[in-house]
Amino acid sequence: MLSLVDRVAPGQQVTLVGHSWGGMYGTSVINRHAEQAREAVQIETGPTRGSTFERIKDELYDVNPLREWLNDVLWSTQWPVRRI
């Protein structure tokens, strides 16, 4: 990531945007190279500390297929897709 930052914005601070594990990776980069980050946007990141992950990991993998299907159905009906 730092190579990309150095290539597209040499000598400048950047805004890092990360989603899910990308947000966790961005946090790690900022912790080690704070001088290169102006700000960060993190979307739906997981826990950024190992101790937090250990505490909640069982909840992360508790997948209920019926609940997941119902969630998908309900969300998909809120924004109908226009077919052209």
PDB file of N, CA and C in Angstrom:
ATOM      1  N   MET A   1       0.822  -1.168   0.000  1.00  0.00           N
ATOM      2  CA  MET A   1       0.000   0.000   0.000  1.00  0.00           C
ATOM      3  C   MET A   1       0.880   1.251   0.000  1.00  0.00           C
ATOM      4  N   LEU A   2       1.946   1.229   0.768  1.00  0.00           N
ATOM      5  CA  LEU A   2       2.809   2.407   0.831  1.00  0.00           C
ATOM      6  C   LEU A   2       3.470   2.694  -0.515  1.00  0.00           C
ATOM      7  N   SER A   3       3.794   1.656  -1.262  1.00  0.00           N
ATOM      8  CA  SER A   3       4.365   1.863  -2.597  1.00  0.00           C
ATOM      9  C   SER A   3       3.370   2.580  -3.502  1.00  0.00           C
ATOM     10  N   LEU A   4       2.112   2.206  -3.410  1.00  0.00           N
ATOM     11  CA  LEU A   4       1.074   2.854  -4.208  1.00  0.00           C
ATOM     12  C   LEU A   4       0.913   4.312  -3.792  1.00  0.00           C
ATOM     13  N   VAL A   5       0.879   4.568  -2.498  1.00  0.00           N
ATOM     14  CA  VAL A   5       0.762   5.940  -2.000  1.00  0.00           C
ATOM     15  C   VAL A   5       1.940   6.774  -2.490  1.00  0.00           C
ATOM     16  N   ASP A   6       3.145   6.229  -2.379  1.00  0.00           N
ATOM     17  CA  ASP A   6       4.336   6.962  -2.828  1.00  0.00           C
ATOM     18  C   ASP A   6       4.307   7.236  -4.326  1.00  0.00           C
ATOM     19  N   ARG A   7       3.700   6.347  -5.077  1.00  0.00           N
ATOM     20  CA  ARG A   7       3.654   6.528  -6.535  1.00  0.00           C
ATOM     21  C   ARG A   7       2.610   7.564  -6.963  1.00  0.00           C
ATOM     22  N   VAL A   8       1.417   7.521  -6.368  1.00  0.00           N
ATOM     23  CA  VAL A   8       0.341   8.413  -6.816  1.00  0.00           C
ATOM     24  C   VAL A   8       0.306   9.742  -6.079  1.00  0.00           C
ATOM     25  N   ALA A   9       0.897   9.788  -4.891  1.00  0.00           N
ATOM     26  CA  ALA A   9       0.879  11.040  -4.111  1.00  0.00           C
ATOM     27  C   ALA A   9       2.197  11.211  -3.360  1.00  0.00           C
ATOM     28  N   PRO A  10       3.295  11.301  -4.083  1.00  0.00           N
ATOM     29  CA  PRO A  10       4.598  11.384  -3.401  1.00  0.00           C
ATOM     30  C   PRO A  10       4.698  12.613  -2.496  1.00  0.00           C
ATOM     31  N   GLY A  11       5.095  12.357  -1.253  1.00  0.00           N
ATOM     32  CA  GLY A  11       5.289  13.443  -0.306  1.00  0.00           C
ATOM     33  C   GLY A  11       4.016  14.064   0.240  1.00  0.00           C
ATOM     34  N   GLN A  12       2.863  13.488  -0.076  1.00  0.00           N
ATOM     35  CA  GLN A  12       1.587  14.046   0.383  1.00  0.00           C
ATOM     36  C   GLN A  12       0.905  13.094   1.359  1.00  0.00           C
ATOM     37  N   GLN A  13       0.100  13.665   2.223  1.00  0.00           N
ATOM     38  CA  GLN A  13      -0.738  12.836   3.074  1.00  0.00           C
ATOM     39  C   GLN A  13      -1.971  12.428   2.272  1.00  0.00           C
ATOM     40  N   VAL A  14      -2.486  11.259   2.556  1.00  0.00           N
ATOM     41  CA  VAL A  14      -3.608  10.734   1.784  1.00  0.00           C
ATOM     42  C   VAL A  14      -4.761  10.349   2.702  1.00  0.00           C
ATOM     43  N   THR A  15      -5.929  10.201   2.101  1.00  0.00           N
ATOM     44  CA  THR A  15      -7.098   9.661   2.778  1.00  0.00           C
ATOM     45  C   THR A  15      -7.172   8.181   2.441  1.00  0.00           C
ATOM     46  N   LEU A  16      -7.147   7.348   3.444  1.00  0.00           N
ATOM     47  CA  LEU A  16      -7.249   5.908   3.222  1.00  0.00           C
ATOM     48  C   LEU A  16      -8.694   5.485   3.434  1.00  0.00           C
ATOM     49  N   VAL A  17      -9.231   4.753   2.480  1.00  0.00           N
ATOM     50  CA  VAL A  17     -10.595   4.242   2.574  1.00  0.00           C
ATOM     51  C   VAL A  17     -10.504   2.723   2.582  1.00  0.00           C
ATOM     52  N   GLY A  18     -11.093   2.107   3.590  1.00  0.00           N
ATOM     53  CA  GLY A  18     -11.031   0.657   3.680  1.00  0.00           C
ATOM     54  C   GLY A  18     -12.365   0.064   4.066  1.00  0.00           C
ATOM     55  N   HIS A  19     -12.664  -1.077   3.483  1.00  0.00           N
ATOM     56  CA  HIS A  19     -13.905  -1.795   3.783  1.00  0.00           C
ATOM     57  C   HIS A  19     -13.546  -3.176   4.315  1.00  0.00           C
ATOM     58  N   SER A  20     -14.214  -3.576   5.378  1.00  0.00           N
ATOM     59  CA  SER A  20     -14.050  -4.893   5.962  1.00  0.00           C
ATOM     60  C   SER A  20     -12.587  -5.103   6.367  1.00  0.00           C
ATOM     61  N   TRP A  21     -11.962  -6.168   5.861  1.00  0.00           N
ATOM     62  CA  TRP A  21     -10.563  -6.425   6.215  1.00  0.00           C
ATOM     63  C   TRP A  21      -9.653  -5.324   5.691  1.00  0.00           C
ATOM     64  N   GLY A  22     -10.041  -4.657   4.626  1.00  0.00           N
ATOM     65  CA  GLY A  22      -9.256  -3.534   4.112  1.00  0.00           C
ATOM     66  C   GLY A  22      -9.185  -2.398   5.125  1.00  0.00           C
ATOM     67  N   GLY A  23     -10.254  -2.209   5.889  1.00  0.00           N
ATOM     68  CA  GLY A  23     -10.244  -1.201   6.941  1.00  0.00           C
ATOM     69  C   GLY A  23      -9.299  -1.583   8.060  1.00  0.00           C
ATOM     70  N   MET A  24      -9.260  -2.858   8.358  1.00  0.00           N
ATOM     71  CA  MET A  24      -8.339  -3.331   9.388  1.00  0.00           C
ATOM     72  C   MET A  24      -6.892  -3.185   8.903  1.00  0.00           C
ATOM     73  N   TYR A  25      -6.659  -3.497   7.644  1.00  0.00           N
ATOM     74  CA  TYR A  25      -5.311  -3.342   7.080  1.00  0.00           C
ATOM     75  C   TYR A  25      -4.917  -1.863   7.076  1.00  0.00           C
ATOM     76  N   GLY A  26      -5.851  -0.987   6.703  1.00  0.00           N
ATOM     77  CA  GLY A  26      -5.579   0.449   6.708  1.00  0.00           C
ATOM     78  C   GLY A  26      -5.225   0.946   8.097  1.00  0.00           C
ATOM     79  N   THR A  27      -5.908   0.430   9.119  1.00  0.00           N
ATOM     80  CA  THR A  27      -5.593   0.797  10.495  1.00  0.00           C
ATOM     81  C   THR A  27      -4.171   0.402  10.842  1.00  0.00           C
ATOM     82  N   SER A  28      -3.777  -0.771  10.412  1.00  0.00           N
ATOM     83  CA  SER A  28      -2.415  -1.237  10.664  1.00  0.00           C
ATOM     84  C   SER A  28      -1.387  -0.322   9.995  1.00  0.00           C
ATOM     85  N   VAL A  29      -1.668   0.071   8.760  1.00  0.00           N
ATOM     86  CA  VAL A  29      -0.750   0.969   8.038  1.00  0.00           C
ATOM     87  C   VAL A  29      -0.657   2.317   8.742  1.00  0.00           C
ATOM     88  N   ILE A  30      -1.801   2.860   9.148  1.00  0.00           N
ATOM     89  CA  ILE A  30      -1.812   4.155   9.832  1.00  0.00           C
ATOM     90  C   ILE A  30      -1.060   4.075  11.161  1.00  0.00           C
ATOM     91  N   ASN A  31      -1.222   2.979  11.874  1.00  0.00           N
ATOM     92  CA  ASN A  31      -0.509   2.830  13.143  1.00  0.00           C
ATOM     93  C   ASN A  31       1.001   2.858  12.951  1.00  0.00           C
ATOM     94  N   ARG A  32       1.478   2.354  11.833  1.00  0.00           N
ATOM     95  CA  ARG A  32       2.922   2.306  11.578  1.00  0.00           C
ATOM     96  C   ARG A  32       3.435   3.525  10.821  1.00  0.00           C
ATOM     97  N   HIS A  33       2.561   4.207  10.065  1.00  0.00           N
ATOM     98  CA  HIS A  33       2.995   5.322   9.207  1.00  0.00           C
ATOM     99  C   HIS A  33       1.996   6.467   9.260  1.00  0.00           C
ATOM    100  N   ALA A  34       1.705   6.940  10.462  1.00  0.00           N
ATOM    101  CA  ALA A  34       0.694   7.985  10.659  1.00  0.00           C
ATOM    102  C   ALA A  34       1.015   9.267   9.895  1.00  0.00           C
ATOM    103  N   GLU A  35       2.269   9.520   9.660  1.00  0.00           N
ATOM    104  CA  GLU A  35       2.659  10.756   8.966  1.00  0.00           C
ATOM    105  C   GLU A  35       2.186  10.788   7.516  1.00  0.00           C
ATOM    106  N   GLN A  36       1.838   9.640   6.945  1.00  0.00           N
ATOM    107  CA  GLN A  36       1.405   9.603   5.554  1.00  0.00           C
ATOM    108  C   GLN A  36      -0.117   9.674   5.397  1.00  0.00           C
ATOM    109  N   ALA A  37      -0.844   9.603   6.506  1.00  0.00           N
ATOM    110  CA  ALA A  37      -2.310   9.612   6.430  1.00  0.00           C
ATOM    111  C   ALA A  37      -2.870  10.930   6.941  1.00  0.00           C
ATOM    112  N   ARG A  38      -3.705  11.547   6.136  1.00  0.00           N
ATOM    113  CA  ARG A  38      -4.422  12.745   6.555  1.00  0.00           C
ATOM    114  C   ARG A  38      -5.667  12.337   7.346  1.00  0.00           C
ATOM    115  N   GLU A  39      -6.362  11.322   6.838  1.00  0.00           N
ATOM    116  CA  GLU A  39      -7.575  10.833   7.491  1.00  0.00           C
ATOM    117  C   GLU A  39      -7.864   9.427   6.994  1.00  0.00           C
ATOM    118  N   ALA A  40      -8.828   8.788   7.639  1.00  0.00           N
ATOM    119  CA  ALA A  40      -9.209   7.437   7.246  1.00  0.00           C
ATOM    120  C   ALA A  40     -10.726   7.312   7.259  1.00  0.00           C
ATOM    121  N   VAL A  41     -11.228   6.560   6.302  1.00  0.00           N
ATOM    122  CA  VAL A  41     -12.650   6.216   6.252  1.00  0.00           C
ATOM    123  C   VAL A  41     -12.703   4.703   6.328  1.00  0.00           C
ATOM    124  N   GLN A  42     -13.389   4.205   7.341  1.00  0.00           N
ATOM    125  CA  GLN A  42     -13.487   2.761   7.509  1.00  0.00           C
ATOM    126  C   GLN A  42     -14.954   2.362   7.478  1.00  0.00           C
ATOM    127  N   ILE A  43     -15.239   1.385   6.638  1.00  0.00           N
ATOM    128  CA  ILE A  43     -16.611   0.940   6.449  1.00  0.00           C
ATOM    129  C   ILE A  43     -16.713  -0.521   6.869  1.00  0.00           C
ATOM    130  N   GLU A  44     -17.539  -0.775   7.850  1.00  0.00           N
ATOM    131  CA  GLU A  44     -17.800  -2.131   8.324  1.00  0.00           C
ATOM    132  C   GLU A  44     -16.533  -2.926   8.586  1.00  0.00           C
ATOM    133  N   THR A  45     -15.620  -2.328   9.321  1.00  0.00           N
ATOM    134  CA  THR A  45     -14.410  -3.067   9.662  1.00  0.00           C
ATOM    135  C   THR A  45     -14.707  -4.048  10.779  1.00  0.00           C
ATOM    136  N   GLY A  46     -13.892  -5.037  10.850  1.00  0.00           N
ATOM    137  CA  GLY A  46     -13.986  -5.970  11.956  1.00  0.00           C
ATOM    138  C   GLY A  46     -13.227  -5.406  13.144  1.00  0.00           C
ATOM    139  N   PRO A  47     -13.036  -6.221  14.153  1.00  0.00           N
ATOM    140  CA  PRO A  47     -12.295  -5.751  15.320  1.00  0.00           C
ATOM    141  C   PRO A  47     -10.856  -5.447  14.944  1.00  0.00           C
ATOM    142  N   THR A  48     -10.326  -4.367  15.467  1.00  0.00           N
ATOM    143  CA  THR A  48      -8.957  -3.984  15.104  1.00  0.00           C
ATOM    144  C   THR A  48      -7.938  -4.445  16.127  1.00  0.00           C
ATOM    145  N   ARG A  49      -8.385  -5.141  17.152  1.00  0.00           N
ATOM    146  CA  ARG A  49      -7.465  -5.691  18.142  1.00  0.00           C
ATOM    147  C   ARG A  49      -7.726  -7.181  18.274  1.00  0.00           C
ATOM    148  N   GLY A  50      -6.663  -7.926  18.420  1.00  0.00           N
ATOM    149  CA  GLY A  50      -6.790  -9.372  18.544  1.00  0.00           C
ATOM    150  C   GLY A  50      -7.635  -9.802  19.720  1.00  0.00           C
ATOM    151  N   SER A  51      -7.523  -9.090  20.849  1.00  0.00           N
ATOM    152  CA  SER A  51      -8.302  -9.474  22.031  1.00  0.00           C
ATOM    153  C   SER A  51      -9.797  -9.308  21.782  1.00  0.00           C
ATOM    154  N   THR A  52     -10.171  -8.269  21.023  1.00  0.00           N
ATOM    155  CA  THR A  52     -11.587  -8.067  20.698  1.00  0.00           C
ATOM    156  C   THR A  52     -12.070  -9.181  19.788  1.00  0.00           C
ATOM    157  N   PHE A  53     -11.259  -9.541  18.802  1.00  0.00           N
ATOM    158  CA  PHE A  53     -11.634 -10.622  17.887  1.00  0.00           C
ATOM    159  C   PHE A  53     -11.855 -11.923  18.652  1.00  0.00           C
ATOM    160  N   GLU A  54     -10.956 -12.252  19.561  1.00  0.00           N
ATOM    161  CA  GLU A  54     -11.095 -13.490  20.329  1.00  0.00           C
ATOM    162  C   GLU A  54     -12.396 -13.501  21.125  1.00  0.00           C
ATOM    163  N   ARG A  55     -12.787 -12.349  21.643  1.00  0.00           N
ATOM    164  CA  ARG A  55     -13.998 -12.250  22.457  1.00  0.00           C
ATOM    165  C   ARG A  55     -15.260 -12.444  21.627  1.00  0.00           C
ATOM    166  N   ILE A  56     -15.277 -11.984  20.365  1.00  0.00           N
ATOM    167  CA  ILE A  56     -16.519 -12.012  19.584  1.00  0.00           C
ATOM    168  C   ILE A  56     -16.505 -12.987  18.407  1.00  0.00           C
ATOM    169  N   LYS A  57     -15.427 -13.737  18.224  1.00  0.00           N
ATOM    170  CA  LYS A  57     -15.308 -14.563  17.014  1.00  0.00           C
ATOM    171  C   LYS A  57     -16.432 -15.579  16.850  1.00  0.00           C
ATOM    172  N   ASP A  58     -16.939 -16.127  17.945  1.00  0.00           N
ATOM    173  CA  ASP A  58     -18.033 -17.102  17.811  1.00  0.00           C
ATOM    174  C   ASP A  58     -19.284 -16.454  17.242  1.00  0.00           C
ATOM    175  N   GLU A  59     -19.526 -15.198  17.572  1.00  0.00           N
ATOM    176  CA  GLU A  59     -20.687 -14.489  17.030  1.00  0.00           C
ATOM    177  C   GLU A  59     -20.514 -14.203  15.539  1.00  0.00           C
ATOM    178  N   LEU A  60     -19.286 -14.008  15.095  1.00  0.00           N
ATOM    179  CA  LEU A  60     -19.029 -13.692  13.689  1.00  0.00           C
ATOM    180  C   LEU A  60     -19.364 -14.866  12.776  1.00  0.00           C
ATOM    181  N   TYR A  61     -19.197 -16.069  13.270  1.00  0.00           N
ATOM    182  CA  TYR A  61     -19.382 -17.243  12.436  1.00  0.00           C
ATOM    183  C   TYR A  61     -20.688 -17.969  12.701  1.00  0.00           C
ATOM    184  N   ASP A  62     -21.566 -17.348  13.476  1.00  0.00           N
ATOM    185  CA  ASP A  62     -22.869 -17.936  13.763  1.00  0.00           C
ATOM    186  C   ASP A  62     -23.815 -17.586  12.616  1.00  0.00           C
ATOM    187  N   VAL A  63     -23.795 -18.396  11.562  1.00  0.00           N
ATOM    188  CA  VAL A  63     -24.595 -18.115  10.376  1.00  0.00           C
ATOM    189  C   VAL A  63     -25.859 -18.971  10.409  1.00  0.00           C
ATOM    190  N   ASN A  64     -26.983 -18.303  10.302  1.00  0.00           N
ATOM    191  CA  ASN A  64     -28.272 -18.972  10.250  1.00  0.00           C
ATOM    192  C   ASN A  64     -28.800 -18.791   8.824  1.00  0.00           C
ATOM    193  N   PRO A  65     -28.826 -19.856   8.017  1.00  0.00           N
ATOM    194  CA  PRO A  65     -29.230 -19.716   6.613  1.00  0.00           C
ATOM    195  C   PRO A  65     -30.609 -19.078   6.420  1.00  0.00           C
ATOM    196  N   LEU A  66     -31.576 -19.425   7.249  1.00  0.00           N
ATOM    197  CA  LEU A  66     -32.908 -18.842   7.119  1.00  0.00           C
ATOM    198  C   LEU A  66     -32.860 -17.341   7.391  1.00  0.00           C
ATOM    199  N   ARG A  67     -32.159 -16.937   8.436  1.00  0.00           N
ATOM    200  CA  ARG A  67     -32.034 -15.521   8.762  1.00  0.00           C
ATOM    201  C   ARG A  67     -31.313 -14.762   7.644  1.00  0.00           C
ATOM    202  N   GLU A  68     -30.271 -15.353   7.081  1.00  0.00           N
ATOM    203  CA  GLU A  68     -29.541 -14.712   5.983  1.00  0.00           C
ATOM    204  C   GLU A  68     -30.433 -14.561   4.752  1.00  0.00           C
ATOM    205  N   TRP A  69     -31.208 -15.601   4.434  1.00  0.00           N
ATOM    206  CA  TRP A  69     -32.100 -15.538   3.281  1.00  0.00           C
ATOM    207  C   TRP A  69     -33.155 -14.458   3.486  1.00  0.00           C
ATOM    208  N   LEU A  70     -33.762 -14.423   4.668  1.00  0.00           N
ATOM    209  CA  LEU A  70     -34.786 -13.433   4.961  1.00  0.00           C
ATOM    210  C   LEU A  70     -34.209 -12.017   4.883  1.00  0.00           C
ATOM    211  N   ASN A  71     -33.025 -11.821   5.402  1.00  0.00           N
ATOM    212  CA  ASN A  71     -32.360 -10.527   5.318  1.00  0.00           C
ATOM    213  C   ASN A  71     -32.175 -10.107   3.858  1.00  0.00           C
ATOM    214  N   ASP A  72     -31.718 -11.016   3.024  1.00  0.00           N
ATOM    215  CA  ASP A  72     -31.526 -10.710   1.605  1.00  0.00           C
ATOM    216  C   ASP A  72     -32.844 -10.343   0.932  1.00  0.00           C
ATOM    217  N   VAL A  73     -33.891 -11.085   1.215  1.00  0.00           N
ATOM    218  CA  VAL A  73     -35.202 -10.816   0.611  1.00  0.00           C
ATOM    219  C   VAL A  73     -35.711  -9.444   1.034  1.00  0.00           C
ATOM    220  N   LEU A  74     -35.641  -9.151   2.314  1.00  0.00           N
ATOM    221  CA  LEU A  74     -36.149  -7.866   2.801  1.00  0.00           C
ATOM    222  C   LEU A  74     -35.362  -6.688   2.232  1.00  0.00           C
ATOM    223  N   TRP A  75     -34.054  -6.790   2.178  1.00  0.00           N
ATOM    224  CA  TRP A  75     -33.245  -5.686   1.630  1.00  0.00           C
ATOM    225  C   TRP A  75     -33.453  -5.534   0.135  1.00  0.00           C
ATOM    226  N   SER A  76     -33.606  -6.627  -0.572  1.00  0.00           N
ATOM    227  CA  SER A  76     -33.747  -6.530  -2.029  1.00  0.00           C
ATOM    228  C   SER A  76     -35.076  -5.901  -2.430  1.00  0.00           C
ATOM    229  N   THR A  77     -36.086  -5.981  -1.578  1.00  0.00           N
ATOM    230  CA  THR A  77     -37.381  -5.390  -1.927  1.00  0.00           C
ATOM    231  C   THR A  77     -37.447  -3.905  -1.603  1.00  0.00           C
ATOM    232  N   GLN A  78     -36.491  -3.378  -0.845  1.00  0.00           N
ATOM    233  CA  GLN A  78     -36.498  -1.960  -0.517  1.00  0.00           C
ATOM    234  C   GLN A  78     -36.056  -1.100  -1.691  1.00  0.00           C
ATOM    235  N   TRP A  79     -35.171  -1.629  -2.506  1.00  0.00           N
ATOM    236  CA  TRP A  79     -34.671  -0.863  -3.652  1.00  0.00           C
ATOM    237  C   TRP A  79     -34.819  -1.715  -4.905  1.00  0.00           C
ATOM    238  N   PRO A  80     -35.991  -1.692  -5.500  1.00  0.00           N
ATOM    239  CA  PRO A  80     -36.186  -2.543  -6.683  1.00  0.00           C
ATOM    240  C   PRO A  80     -35.243  -2.120  -7.822  1.00  0.00           C
ATOM    241  N   VAL A  81     -34.788  -3.105  -8.522  1.00  0.00           N
ATOM    242  CA  VAL A  81     -33.877  -2.866  -9.634  1.00  0.00           C
ATOM    243  C   VAL A  81     -34.692  -2.533 -10.869  1.00  0.00           C
ATOM    244  N   ARG A  82     -34.353  -1.427 -11.518  1.00  0.00           N
ATOM    245  CA  ARG A  82     -35.011  -1.087 -12.775  1.00  0.00           C
ATOM    246  C   ARG A  82     -34.295  -1.789 -13.915  1.00  0.00           C
ATOM    247  N   ARG A  83     -35.033  -2.520 -14.655  1.00  0.00           N
ATOM    248  CA  ARG A  83     -34.431  -3.223 -15.812  1.00  0.00           C
ATOM    249  C   ARG A  83     -34.758  -2.431 -17.063  1.00  0.00           C
ATOM    250  N   ILE A  84     -33.738  -2.160 -17.824  1.00  0.00           N
ATOM    251  CA  ILE A  84     -33.913  -1.351 -19.034  1.00  0.00           C
ATOM    252  C   ILE A  84     -33.804  -2.239 -20.250  1.00  0.00           C
TER     253      ILE A  84
END
